[in-house]
Amino acid sequence: MNQHRAQVLELVSNNQYSIIVGATGSGKTTQVPQILVEDAIKAGGAVDCNIICTQPRRIAATSVARRVAEERAQRLQDTVGYHVRFDTKLPNQGGSITYCTTGILLQQLQHQPDEVMDGVSHLVIDEVHERDILIDFLLIILKRAICERAAAGKSTPKVVLMSATMDTELFAGYFQTKILGSQETVACPSLSVPGRTFPVREKHLEEITNEIQQAHGNMGVGLMQSDPATKDYFKAENEYRKQNPVVTKQASSSATQPDDFVIDWKNERKLNAEGAGYDGLTRLVTAASEKILSSLQLLHHLSQHPALGQADQPCER
């Protein structure tokens, strides 16, 4: 991501809404907020730079916050912190990064929208491709609040949508902006950044024990089995191999896989050793995804109901 620092800064600085599609391993979650803060520090405006970055899950918010604080050689709550339910470690304001769950930011915007937006310079919505009900409601409320503040002449934070895989055209169309004094609209601009993944190779227990025996003889295997936990694990594995000879046979044959063999974790897992059918969870998710309508479009139509106010319109810029 740092290789695209200039493009990220130009994209975010020149647009109210922007989209960053960063492949897995690109560092978007940890690096984009740091790039924005460091640019503000360099320009002498760190005191006005306070970033909120949302995560779908609390474990992601807390772990990423600790990671970023470590990268910056700081203690948690110096300039990096997090806010999740029942656990809050907020950083000092003025050049800060706060990781929080989507639900926390949604509640704040529902009850104290002006207070949030007055003290925040950037709102980074991460993993928007997940499209759960919280994320979709957050995007609707966020767009409406920014339009109202812009119409009232108040400051508005920059909004950055990030994901590894997302329908860029859908989000770009939803967050289009109207050119001031004109009826023309401009779609939300986007930036795609390549990532880096690491190969994962299979190695079965039988291969590991054979390698240890070849390198250290029976003494090495004996030392492994002297540990109670390891001994119990070996016992469980041997019982499984006796009860599932077909699985054991196929696993043994996979030991001849080529050196460049890499597991494609994105392919769907099979139900059994013969590879017939998908697992129950995959079938359930596939069936549900075929029946559920796009929640963002549904909520957009609901937002046009008189009880929810006027229909969403592109904001003027």
C-alpha atoms as a PDB file:
ATOM      1  CA  MET A   1       0.000   0.000   0.000  1.00  0.00           C
ATOM      2  CA  ASN A   2       2.869   2.403   0.716  1.00  0.00           C
ATOM      3  CA  GLN A   3       3.913   2.141  -2.916  1.00  0.00           C
ATOM      4  CA  HIS A   4       0.598   3.802  -3.791  1.00  0.00           C
ATOM      5  CA  ARG A   5       0.825   6.470  -1.091  1.00  0.00           C
ATOM      6  CA  ALA A   6       0.602   9.424  -3.487  1.00  0.00           C
ATOM      7  CA  GLN A   7      -2.437   7.971  -5.256  1.00  0.00           C
ATOM      8  CA  VAL A   8      -4.202   7.274  -1.969  1.00  0.00           C
ATOM      9  CA  LEU A   9      -3.602  10.811  -0.697  1.00  0.00           C
ATOM     10  CA  GLU A  10      -4.744  12.393  -3.951  1.00  0.00           C
ATOM     11  CA  LEU A  11      -7.870  10.230  -4.099  1.00  0.00           C
ATOM     12  CA  VAL A  12      -8.939  10.894  -0.506  1.00  0.00           C
ATOM     13  CA  SER A  13      -8.006  14.590  -0.430  1.00  0.00           C
ATOM     14  CA  ASN A  14      -9.853  15.535  -3.614  1.00  0.00           C
ATOM     15  CA  ASN A  15     -13.107  13.645  -3.041  1.00  0.00           C
ATOM     16  CA  GLN A  16     -15.815  13.524  -0.398  1.00  0.00           C
ATOM     17  CA  TYR A  17     -16.253   9.799  -1.022  1.00  0.00           C
ATOM     18  CA  SER A  18     -13.578   7.440  -2.309  1.00  0.00           C
ATOM     19  CA  ILE A  19     -13.204   3.688  -2.749  1.00  0.00           C
ATOM     20  CA  ILE A  20     -10.015   1.698  -2.187  1.00  0.00           C
ATOM     21  CA  VAL A  21     -10.030  -1.905  -3.349  1.00  0.00           C
ATOM     22  CA  GLY A  22      -6.996  -3.568  -1.832  1.00  0.00           C
ATOM     23  CA  ALA A  23      -6.331  -7.233  -2.452  1.00  0.00           C
ATOM     24  CA  THR A  24      -5.551  -9.508   0.474  1.00  0.00           C
ATOM     25  CA  GLY A  25      -2.137  -8.664   1.867  1.00  0.00           C
ATOM     26  CA  SER A  26      -2.044  -5.111   0.474  1.00  0.00           C
ATOM     27  CA  GLY A  27      -2.105  -3.590   3.961  1.00  0.00           C
ATOM     28  CA  LYS A  28      -5.157  -1.392   3.451  1.00  0.00           C
ATOM     29  CA  THR A  29      -6.518  -1.817   6.987  1.00  0.00           C
ATOM     30  CA  THR A  30      -3.274  -0.972   8.763  1.00  0.00           C
ATOM     31  CA  GLN A  31      -1.601   1.366   6.271  1.00  0.00           C
ATOM     32  CA  VAL A  32      -4.294   3.658   4.837  1.00  0.00           C
ATOM     33  CA  PRO A  33      -5.111   5.347   8.194  1.00  0.00           C
ATOM     34  CA  GLN A  34      -1.381   5.729   8.911  1.00  0.00           C
ATOM     35  CA  ILE A  35      -0.776   7.266   5.485  1.00  0.00           C
ATOM     36  CA  LEU A  36      -3.484   9.861   6.147  1.00  0.00           C
ATOM     37  CA  VAL A  37      -2.181  10.687   9.636  1.00  0.00           C
ATOM     38  CA  GLU A  38       1.451  10.932   8.543  1.00  0.00           C
ATOM     39  CA  ASP A  39       0.502  13.261   5.683  1.00  0.00           C
ATOM     40  CA  ALA A  40      -1.371  15.502   8.147  1.00  0.00           C
ATOM     41  CA  ILE A  41       1.640  15.524  10.496  1.00  0.00           C
ATOM     42  CA  LYS A  42       3.943  16.432   7.610  1.00  0.00           C
ATOM     43  CA  ALA A  43       1.618  19.275   6.577  1.00  0.00           C
ATOM     44  CA  GLY A  44       1.401  20.561  10.148  1.00  0.00           C
ATOM     45  CA  GLY A  45      -2.294  19.784  10.521  1.00  0.00           C
ATOM     46  CA  ALA A  46      -2.151  16.740  12.761  1.00  0.00           C
ATOM     47  CA  VAL A  47      -4.263  18.446  15.419  1.00  0.00           C
ATOM     48  CA  ASP A  48      -7.242  18.373  13.031  1.00  0.00           C
ATOM     49  CA  CYS A  49      -6.673  14.809  11.803  1.00  0.00           C
ATOM     50  CA  ASN A  50      -8.694  12.220  13.716  1.00  0.00           C
ATOM     51  CA  ILE A  51      -9.576   9.025  11.892  1.00  0.00           C
ATOM     52  CA  ILE A  52     -12.195   6.403  12.686  1.00  0.00           C
ATOM     53  CA  CYS A  53     -11.806   3.046  10.949  1.00  0.00           C
ATOM     54  CA  THR A  54     -14.636   0.537  11.329  1.00  0.00           C
ATOM     55  CA  GLN A  55     -14.291  -3.241  11.438  1.00  0.00           C
ATOM     56  CA  PRO A  56     -17.143  -5.777  11.221  1.00  0.00           C
ATOM     57  CA  ARG A  57     -15.936  -7.700  14.287  1.00  0.00           C
ATOM     58  CA  ARG A  58     -14.574  -6.623  17.665  1.00  0.00           C
ATOM     59  CA  ILE A  59     -11.620  -9.031  17.519  1.00  0.00           C
ATOM     60  CA  ALA A  60     -10.491  -7.348  14.295  1.00  0.00           C
ATOM     61  CA  ALA A  61     -10.808  -3.851  15.777  1.00  0.00           C
ATOM     62  CA  THR A  62      -8.793  -4.652  18.891  1.00  0.00           C
ATOM     63  CA  SER A  63      -6.081  -6.732  17.199  1.00  0.00           C
ATOM     64  CA  VAL A  64      -5.543  -4.268  14.335  1.00  0.00           C
ATOM     65  CA  ALA A  65      -5.321  -1.359  16.791  1.00  0.00           C
ATOM     66  CA  ARG A  66      -2.606  -3.168  18.751  1.00  0.00           C
ATOM     67  CA  ARG A  67      -0.784  -4.006  15.534  1.00  0.00           C
ATOM     68  CA  VAL A  68      -0.802  -0.409  14.275  1.00  0.00           C
ATOM     69  CA  ALA A  69       0.341   0.922  17.663  1.00  0.00           C
ATOM     70  CA  GLU A  70       3.221  -1.553  17.578  1.00  0.00           C
ATOM     71  CA  GLU A  71       4.165  -0.494  14.047  1.00  0.00           C
ATOM     72  CA  ARG A  72       4.281   3.108  15.213  1.00  0.00           C
ATOM     73  CA  ALA A  73       6.433   2.163  18.238  1.00  0.00           C
ATOM     74  CA  GLN A  74       3.799   3.551  20.579  1.00  0.00           C
ATOM     75  CA  ARG A  75       1.694   2.338  23.435  1.00  0.00           C
ATOM     76  CA  LEU A  76      -1.962   1.666  22.858  1.00  0.00           C
ATOM     77  CA  GLN A  77      -3.981   4.845  23.507  1.00  0.00           C
ATOM     78  CA  ASP A  78      -1.132   7.207  22.575  1.00  0.00           C
ATOM     79  CA  THR A  79      -2.285   7.950  19.032  1.00  0.00           C
ATOM     80  CA  VAL A  80      -3.946   4.604  18.251  1.00  0.00           C
ATOM     81  CA  GLY A  81      -6.850   3.050  20.130  1.00  0.00           C
ATOM     82  CA  TYR A  82     -10.067   1.121  19.752  1.00  0.00           C
ATOM     83  CA  HIS A  83     -13.704   1.258  20.808  1.00  0.00           C
ATOM     84  CA  VAL A  84     -15.777  -1.911  21.005  1.00  0.00           C
ATOM     85  CA  ARG A  85     -18.707  -2.860  23.199  1.00  0.00           C
ATOM     86  CA  PHE A  86     -17.751  -3.077  26.890  1.00  0.00           C
ATOM     87  CA  ASP A  87     -14.106  -2.272  26.069  1.00  0.00           C
ATOM     88  CA  THR A  88     -12.884   1.219  25.217  1.00  0.00           C
ATOM     89  CA  LYS A  89      -9.287   2.360  24.865  1.00  0.00           C
ATOM     90  CA  LEU A  90      -9.519   5.683  23.066  1.00  0.00           C
ATOM     91  CA  PRO A  91      -6.388   7.517  21.866  1.00  0.00           C
ATOM     92  CA  ASN A  92      -5.457  11.126  22.521  1.00  0.00           C
ATOM     93  CA  GLN A  93      -7.134  13.472  20.068  1.00  0.00           C
ATOM     94  CA  GLY A  94      -5.030  15.324  17.506  1.00  0.00           C
ATOM     95  CA  GLY A  95      -3.500  12.961  14.960  1.00  0.00           C
ATOM     96  CA  SER A  96      -5.306   9.848  16.169  1.00  0.00           C
ATOM     97  CA  ILE A  97      -6.587   6.573  14.725  1.00  0.00           C
ATOM     98  CA  THR A  98      -9.524   4.802  16.377  1.00  0.00           C
ATOM     99  CA  TYR A  99     -10.600   1.341  15.287  1.00  0.00           C
ATOM    100  CA  CYS A 100     -14.179   0.510  16.228  1.00  0.00           C
ATOM    101  CA  THR A 101     -16.906  -1.915  15.303  1.00  0.00           C
ATOM    102  CA  THR A 102     -19.519  -0.939  12.737  1.00  0.00           C
ATOM    103  CA  GLY A 103     -22.239  -1.031  15.385  1.00  0.00           C
ATOM    104  CA  ILE A 104     -20.435   1.461  17.631  1.00  0.00           C
ATOM    105  CA  LEU A 105     -20.142   4.075  14.873  1.00  0.00           C
ATOM    106  CA  LEU A 106     -23.741   3.441  13.810  1.00  0.00           C
ATOM    107  CA  GLN A 107     -24.988   4.157  17.335  1.00  0.00           C
ATOM    108  CA  GLN A 108     -22.905   7.308  17.589  1.00  0.00           C
ATOM    109  CA  LEU A 109     -24.239   8.629  14.284  1.00  0.00           C
ATOM    110  CA  GLN A 110     -27.800   7.856  15.353  1.00  0.00           C
ATOM    111  CA  HIS A 111     -27.595   9.707  18.664  1.00  0.00           C
ATOM    112  CA  GLN A 112     -24.751  12.254  18.282  1.00  0.00           C
ATOM    113  CA  PRO A 113     -24.052  12.774  14.573  1.00  0.00           C
ATOM    114  CA  ASP A 114     -22.814  16.359  14.877  1.00  0.00           C
ATOM    115  CA  GLU A 115     -20.511  15.578  17.788  1.00  0.00           C
ATOM    116  CA  VAL A 116     -18.941  12.705  15.850  1.00  0.00           C
ATOM    117  CA  MET A 117     -18.468  14.609  12.608  1.00  0.00           C
ATOM    118  CA  ASP A 118     -17.191  17.762  14.295  1.00  0.00           C
ATOM    119  CA  GLY A 119     -14.268  15.843  15.775  1.00  0.00           C
ATOM    120  CA  VAL A 120     -13.477  13.434  12.917  1.00  0.00           C
ATOM    121  CA  SER A 121     -11.596  14.216   9.727  1.00  0.00           C
ATOM    122  CA  HIS A 122     -11.857  10.804   8.026  1.00  0.00           C
ATOM    123  CA  LEU A 123     -14.288   7.909   8.286  1.00  0.00           C
ATOM    124  CA  VAL A 124     -12.833   4.699   6.896  1.00  0.00           C
ATOM    125  CA  ILE A 125     -15.425   1.949   6.429  1.00  0.00           C
ATOM    126  CA  ASP A 126     -13.540  -1.318   6.030  1.00  0.00           C
ATOM    127  CA  GLU A 127     -14.794  -4.647   4.654  1.00  0.00           C
ATOM    128  CA  VAL A 128     -17.876  -3.067   3.065  1.00  0.00           C
ATOM    129  CA  HIS A 129     -18.270  -6.109   0.813  1.00  0.00           C
ATOM    130  CA  GLU A 130     -19.738  -8.056   3.752  1.00  0.00           C
ATOM    131  CA  ARG A 131     -22.942  -6.036   3.343  1.00  0.00           C
ATOM    132  CA  ASP A 132     -24.588  -6.989   6.619  1.00  0.00           C
ATOM    133  CA  ILE A 133     -27.501  -4.982   7.980  1.00  0.00           C
ATOM    134  CA  LEU A 134     -25.260  -2.797  10.150  1.00  0.00           C
ATOM    135  CA  ILE A 135     -22.975  -1.803   7.288  1.00  0.00           C
ATOM    136  CA  ASP A 136     -25.892  -1.023   4.970  1.00  0.00           C
ATOM    137  CA  PHE A 137     -27.688   1.101   7.567  1.00  0.00           C
ATOM    138  CA  LEU A 138     -24.403   2.854   8.385  1.00  0.00           C
ATOM    139  CA  LEU A 139     -23.892   3.812   4.738  1.00  0.00           C
ATOM    140  CA  ILE A 140     -27.431   5.185   4.460  1.00  0.00           C
ATOM    141  CA  ILE A 141     -27.223   7.229   7.659  1.00  0.00           C
ATOM    142  CA  LEU A 142     -23.717   8.414   6.782  1.00  0.00           C
ATOM    143  CA  LYS A 143     -24.739   9.649   3.357  1.00  0.00           C
ATOM    144  CA  ARG A 144     -27.814  11.423   4.707  1.00  0.00           C
ATOM    145  CA  ALA A 145     -25.895  13.070   7.575  1.00  0.00           C
ATOM    146  CA  ILE A 146     -23.138  14.331   5.273  1.00  0.00           C
ATOM    147  CA  CYS A 147     -25.687  15.779   2.847  1.00  0.00           C
ATOM    148  CA  GLU A 148     -27.463  17.609   5.680  1.00  0.00           C
ATOM    149  CA  ARG A 149     -24.193  19.016   7.060  1.00  0.00           C
ATOM    150  CA  ALA A 150     -23.034  20.100   3.612  1.00  0.00           C
ATOM    151  CA  ALA A 151     -26.347  21.871   3.003  1.00  0.00           C
ATOM    152  CA  ALA A 152     -25.977  23.634   6.372  1.00  0.00           C
ATOM    153  CA  GLY A 153     -22.439  24.754   5.525  1.00  0.00           C
ATOM    154  CA  LYS A 154     -20.803  22.578   8.164  1.00  0.00           C
ATOM    155  CA  SER A 155     -17.589  20.619   7.766  1.00  0.00           C
ATOM    156  CA  THR A 156     -17.866  17.029   6.585  1.00  0.00           C
ATOM    157  CA  PRO A 157     -15.367  14.202   7.090  1.00  0.00           C
ATOM    158  CA  LYS A 158     -13.844  12.390   4.153  1.00  0.00           C
ATOM    159  CA  VAL A 159     -15.397   8.942   3.693  1.00  0.00           C
ATOM    160  CA  VAL A 160     -13.241   6.058   2.471  1.00  0.00           C
ATOM    161  CA  LEU A 161     -14.796   2.703   1.595  1.00  0.00           C
ATOM    162  CA  MET A 162     -12.377  -0.222   1.622  1.00  0.00           C
ATOM    163  CA  SER A 163     -12.585  -3.893   0.790  1.00  0.00           C
ATOM    164  CA  ALA A 164     -10.645  -6.734  -0.785  1.00  0.00           C
ATOM    165  CA  THR A 165     -13.522  -7.677  -3.089  1.00  0.00           C
ATOM    166  CA  MET A 166     -16.490  -5.446  -3.745  1.00  0.00           C
ATOM    167  CA  ASP A 167     -18.911  -4.330  -6.435  1.00  0.00           C
ATOM    168  CA  THR A 168     -17.211  -1.025  -7.177  1.00  0.00           C
ATOM    169  CA  GLU A 169     -19.891   0.193  -9.598  1.00  0.00           C
ATOM    170  CA  LEU A 170     -22.683  -0.365  -7.071  1.00  0.00           C
ATOM    171  CA  PHE A 171     -21.007   1.688  -4.347  1.00  0.00           C
ATOM    172  CA  ALA A 172     -19.694   4.306  -6.792  1.00  0.00           C
ATOM    173  CA  GLY A 173     -23.219   4.848  -8.078  1.00  0.00           C
ATOM    174  CA  TYR A 174     -24.754   5.059  -4.608  1.00  0.00           C
ATOM    175  CA  PHE A 175     -22.193   7.639  -3.437  1.00  0.00           C
ATOM    176  CA  GLN A 176     -22.257   9.767  -6.555  1.00  0.00           C
ATOM    177  CA  THR A 177     -22.065  13.522  -6.031  1.00  0.00           C
ATOM    178  CA  LYS A 178     -23.808  16.353  -7.849  1.00  0.00           C
ATOM    179  CA  ILE A 179     -21.639  19.066  -9.340  1.00  0.00           C
ATOM    180  CA  LEU A 180     -22.435  22.410  -7.692  1.00  0.00           C
ATOM    181  CA  GLY A 181     -24.738  24.523  -9.882  1.00  0.00           C
ATOM    182  CA  SER A 182     -25.380  21.674 -12.294  1.00  0.00           C
ATOM    183  CA  GLN A 183     -27.624  18.645 -12.654  1.00  0.00           C
ATOM    184  CA  GLU A 184     -24.691  16.435 -13.610  1.00  0.00           C
ATOM    185  CA  THR A 185     -23.496  13.792 -11.179  1.00  0.00           C
ATOM    186  CA  VAL A 186     -20.064  12.253 -10.762  1.00  0.00           C
ATOM    187  CA  ALA A 187     -19.553   8.683  -9.596  1.00  0.00           C
ATOM    188  CA  CYS A 188     -17.393   8.015  -6.560  1.00  0.00           C
ATOM    189  CA  PRO A 189     -13.778   7.450  -7.752  1.00  0.00           C
ATOM    190  CA  SER A 190     -11.894   4.286  -6.862  1.00  0.00           C
ATOM    191  CA  LEU A 191      -8.363   2.918  -6.617  1.00  0.00           C
ATOM    192  CA  SER A 192      -7.316  -0.727  -6.940  1.00  0.00           C
ATOM    193  CA  VAL A 193      -4.162  -1.888  -5.168  1.00  0.00           C
ATOM    194  CA  PRO A 194      -2.646  -5.350  -5.704  1.00  0.00           C
ATOM    195  CA  GLY A 195      -1.938  -7.524  -2.692  1.00  0.00           C
ATOM    196  CA  ARG A 196       0.421 -10.272  -1.691  1.00  0.00           C
ATOM    197  CA  THR A 197      -0.548 -13.751  -0.568  1.00  0.00           C
ATOM    198  CA  PHE A 198       1.631 -16.518   0.776  1.00  0.00           C
ATOM    199  CA  PRO A 199       1.448 -20.135  -0.424  1.00  0.00           C
ATOM    200  CA  VAL A 200       0.120 -22.715   2.010  1.00  0.00           C
ATOM    201  CA  ARG A 201       1.262 -26.301   1.580  1.00  0.00           C
ATOM    202  CA  GLU A 202      -0.209 -29.480   2.987  1.00  0.00           C
ATOM    203  CA  LYS A 203       1.897 -31.718   5.190  1.00  0.00           C
ATOM    204  CA  HIS A 204       0.268 -34.683   6.895  1.00  0.00           C
ATOM    205  CA  LEU A 205       1.170 -36.128  10.269  1.00  0.00           C
ATOM    206  CA  GLU A 206       2.610 -39.268   8.703  1.00  0.00           C
ATOM    207  CA  GLU A 207       5.060 -37.201   6.654  1.00  0.00           C
ATOM    208  CA  ILE A 208       6.182 -35.262   9.737  1.00  0.00           C
ATOM    209  CA  THR A 209       6.828 -38.398  11.789  1.00  0.00           C
ATOM    210  CA  ASN A 210       8.738 -39.965   8.882  1.00  0.00           C
ATOM    211  CA  GLU A 211      10.940 -36.869   8.572  1.00  0.00           C
ATOM    212  CA  ILE A 212      11.630 -36.850  12.317  1.00  0.00           C
ATOM    213  CA  GLN A 213      12.464 -40.554  12.271  1.00  0.00           C
ATOM    214  CA  GLN A 214      14.828 -40.136   9.319  1.00  0.00           C
ATOM    215  CA  ALA A 215      16.588 -37.195  10.957  1.00  0.00           C
ATOM    216  CA  HIS A 216      16.688 -38.366  14.572  1.00  0.00           C
ATOM    217  CA  GLY A 217      15.804 -42.065  14.505  1.00  0.00           C
ATOM    218  CA  ASN A 218      13.418 -43.747  16.913  1.00  0.00           C
ATOM    219  CA  MET A 219      14.662 -41.492  19.718  1.00  0.00           C
ATOM    220  CA  GLY A 220      13.022 -38.460  18.096  1.00  0.00           C
ATOM    221  CA  VAL A 221       9.664 -40.197  17.730  1.00  0.00           C
ATOM    222  CA  GLY A 222       9.974 -41.517  21.281  1.00  0.00           C
ATOM    223  CA  LEU A 223      10.520 -38.024  22.631  1.00  0.00           C
ATOM    224  CA  MET A 224       7.399 -36.823  20.833  1.00  0.00           C
ATOM    225  CA  GLN A 225       5.288 -39.598  22.306  1.00  0.00           C
ATOM    226  CA  SER A 226       6.674 -38.980  25.796  1.00  0.00           C
ATOM    227  CA  ASP A 227       4.603 -35.806  25.972  1.00  0.00           C
ATOM    228  CA  PRO A 228       1.103 -36.705  27.279  1.00  0.00           C
ATOM    229  CA  ALA A 229      -0.749 -34.296  25.011  1.00  0.00           C
ATOM    230  CA  THR A 230       1.171 -35.451  21.919  1.00  0.00           C
ATOM    231  CA  LYS A 231       0.663 -39.097  22.881  1.00  0.00           C
ATOM    232  CA  ASP A 232      -3.108 -38.558  23.125  1.00  0.00           C
ATOM    233  CA  TYR A 233      -3.078 -36.810  19.748  1.00  0.00           C
ATOM    234  CA  PHE A 234      -1.237 -39.696  18.112  1.00  0.00           C
ATOM    235  CA  LYS A 235      -3.723 -42.122  19.650  1.00  0.00           C
ATOM    236  CA  ALA A 236      -6.689 -40.164  18.298  1.00  0.00           C
ATOM    237  CA  GLU A 237      -5.101 -39.977  14.840  1.00  0.00           C
ATOM    238  CA  ASN A 238      -4.441 -43.715  14.737  1.00  0.00           C
ATOM    239  CA  GLU A 239      -8.037 -44.466  15.726  1.00  0.00           C
ATOM    240  CA  TYR A 240      -9.299 -42.124  13.021  1.00  0.00           C
ATOM    241  CA  ARG A 241      -7.109 -43.778  10.385  1.00  0.00           C
ATOM    242  CA  LYS A 242      -8.516 -47.180  11.310  1.00  0.00           C
ATOM    243  CA  GLN A 243     -12.095 -45.948  11.099  1.00  0.00           C
ATOM    244  CA  ASN A 244     -11.565 -44.007   7.833  1.00  0.00           C
ATOM    245  CA  PRO A 245      -9.279 -46.070   5.590  1.00  0.00           C
ATOM    246  CA  VAL A 246     -10.440 -44.292   2.399  1.00  0.00           C
ATOM    247  CA  VAL A 247      -9.522 -40.873   3.762  1.00  0.00           C
ATOM    248  CA  THR A 248      -6.174 -42.222   4.976  1.00  0.00           C
ATOM    249  CA  LYS A 249      -5.413 -43.689   1.558  1.00  0.00           C
ATOM    250  CA  GLN A 250      -6.150 -40.461  -0.294  1.00  0.00           C
ATOM    251  CA  ALA A 251      -4.207 -38.401   2.246  1.00  0.00           C
ATOM    252  CA  SER A 252      -1.195 -40.655   1.779  1.00  0.00           C
ATOM    253  CA  SER A 253      -1.383 -40.341  -1.996  1.00  0.00           C
ATOM    254  CA  SER A 254      -1.334 -36.549  -1.673  1.00  0.00           C
ATOM    255  CA  ALA A 255       2.194 -36.826  -0.294  1.00  0.00           C
ATOM    256  CA  THR A 256       3.375 -37.074  -3.906  1.00  0.00           C
ATOM    257  CA  GLN A 257       2.046 -33.615  -4.730  1.00  0.00           C
ATOM    258  CA  PRO A 258       4.390 -31.413  -6.798  1.00  0.00           C
ATOM    259  CA  ASP A 259       6.597 -28.845  -5.097  1.00  0.00           C
ATOM    260  CA  ASP A 260       4.608 -25.964  -6.531  1.00  0.00           C
ATOM    261  CA  PHE A 261       1.302 -27.331  -5.257  1.00  0.00           C
ATOM    262  CA  VAL A 262      -0.619 -24.617  -3.392  1.00  0.00           C
ATOM    263  CA  ILE A 263      -3.959 -24.967  -1.651  1.00  0.00           C
ATOM    264  CA  ASP A 264      -6.618 -22.699  -3.148  1.00  0.00           C
ATOM    265  CA  TRP A 265      -8.634 -21.865  -0.036  1.00  0.00           C
ATOM    266  CA  LYS A 266     -11.161 -19.941  -2.115  1.00  0.00           C
ATOM    267  CA  ASN A 267     -12.385 -23.149  -3.757  1.00  0.00           C
ATOM    268  CA  GLU A 268     -15.337 -24.712  -1.973  1.00  0.00           C
ATOM    269  CA  ARG A 269     -14.593 -27.723   0.198  1.00  0.00           C
ATOM    270  CA  LYS A 270     -16.073 -31.106  -0.656  1.00  0.00           C
ATOM    271  CA  LEU A 271     -18.313 -33.116   1.587  1.00  0.00           C
ATOM    272  CA  ASN A 272     -16.284 -36.305   1.697  1.00  0.00           C
ATOM    273  CA  ALA A 273     -13.146 -38.015   0.439  1.00  0.00           C
ATOM    274  CA  GLU A 274     -14.749 -38.896  -2.905  1.00  0.00           C
ATOM    275  CA  GLY A 275     -15.431 -35.181  -3.489  1.00  0.00           C
ATOM    276  CA  ALA A 276     -19.184 -35.632  -3.936  1.00  0.00           C
ATOM    277  CA  GLY A 277     -21.258 -32.577  -3.050  1.00  0.00           C
ATOM    278  CA  TYR A 278     -20.619 -29.477  -1.002  1.00  0.00           C
ATOM    279  CA  ASP A 279     -20.613 -29.338   2.764  1.00  0.00           C
ATOM    280  CA  GLY A 280     -23.808 -28.420   4.565  1.00  0.00           C
ATOM    281  CA  LEU A 281     -22.707 -24.870   5.391  1.00  0.00           C
ATOM    282  CA  THR A 282     -21.812 -24.119   1.768  1.00  0.00           C
ATOM    283  CA  ARG A 283     -25.197 -25.403   0.571  1.00  0.00           C
ATOM    284  CA  LEU A 284     -26.974 -23.299   3.180  1.00  0.00           C
ATOM    285  CA  VAL A 285     -25.065 -20.112   2.318  1.00  0.00           C
ATOM    286  CA  THR A 286     -25.497 -20.684  -1.422  1.00  0.00           C
ATOM    287  CA  ALA A 287     -29.252 -21.203  -1.074  1.00  0.00           C
ATOM    288  CA  ALA A 288     -29.626 -18.140   1.113  1.00  0.00           C
ATOM    289  CA  SER A 289     -27.590 -15.921  -1.191  1.00  0.00           C
ATOM    290  CA  GLU A 290     -29.779 -16.889  -4.143  1.00  0.00           C
ATOM    291  CA  LYS A 291     -32.964 -15.852  -2.349  1.00  0.00           C
ATOM    292  CA  ILE A 292     -31.906 -12.700  -0.474  1.00  0.00           C
ATOM    293  CA  LEU A 293     -32.257  -9.421  -2.388  1.00  0.00           C
ATOM    294  CA  SER A 294     -29.635  -6.740  -2.296  1.00  0.00           C
ATOM    295  CA  SER A 295     -30.118  -5.249   1.162  1.00  0.00           C
ATOM    296  CA  LEU A 296     -28.620  -1.883   0.207  1.00  0.00           C
ATOM    297  CA  GLN A 297     -31.122  -1.425  -2.621  1.00  0.00           C
ATOM    298  CA  LEU A 298     -33.943  -2.553  -0.351  1.00  0.00           C
ATOM    299  CA  LEU A 299     -32.954  -0.106   2.386  1.00  0.00           C
ATOM    300  CA  HIS A 300     -32.570   2.615  -0.224  1.00  0.00           C
ATOM    301  CA  HIS A 301     -36.195   2.085  -1.266  1.00  0.00           C
ATOM    302  CA  LEU A 302     -37.284   2.031   2.368  1.00  0.00           C
ATOM    303  CA  SER A 303     -35.492   5.306   2.989  1.00  0.00           C
ATOM    304  CA  GLN A 304     -37.792   6.953   0.422  1.00  0.00           C
ATOM    305  CA  HIS A 305     -40.791   6.256   2.642  1.00  0.00           C
ATOM    306  CA  PRO A 306     -42.246   9.488   4.074  1.00  0.00           C
ATOM    307  CA  ALA A 307     -41.707   8.205   7.601  1.00  0.00           C
ATOM    308  CA  LEU A 308     -37.959   8.136   6.988  1.00  0.00           C
ATOM    309  CA  GLY A 309     -37.736  11.504   5.327  1.00  0.00           C
ATOM    310  CA  GLN A 310     -37.179  12.543   1.736  1.00  0.00           C
ATOM    311  CA  ALA A 311     -35.539  10.278  -0.793  1.00  0.00           C
ATOM    312  CA  ASP A 312     -31.761  10.195  -0.912  1.00  0.00           C
ATOM    313  CA  GLN A 313     -30.327  12.487  -3.538  1.00  0.00           C
ATOM    314  CA  PRO A 314     -26.720  13.047  -4.638  1.00  0.00           C
ATOM    315  CA  CYS A 315     -25.051  15.722  -2.539  1.00  0.00           C
ATOM    316  CA  GLU A 316     -23.795  18.840  -4.241  1.00  0.00           C
ATOM    317  CA  ARG A 317     -20.085  19.542  -4.008  1.00  0.00           C
END
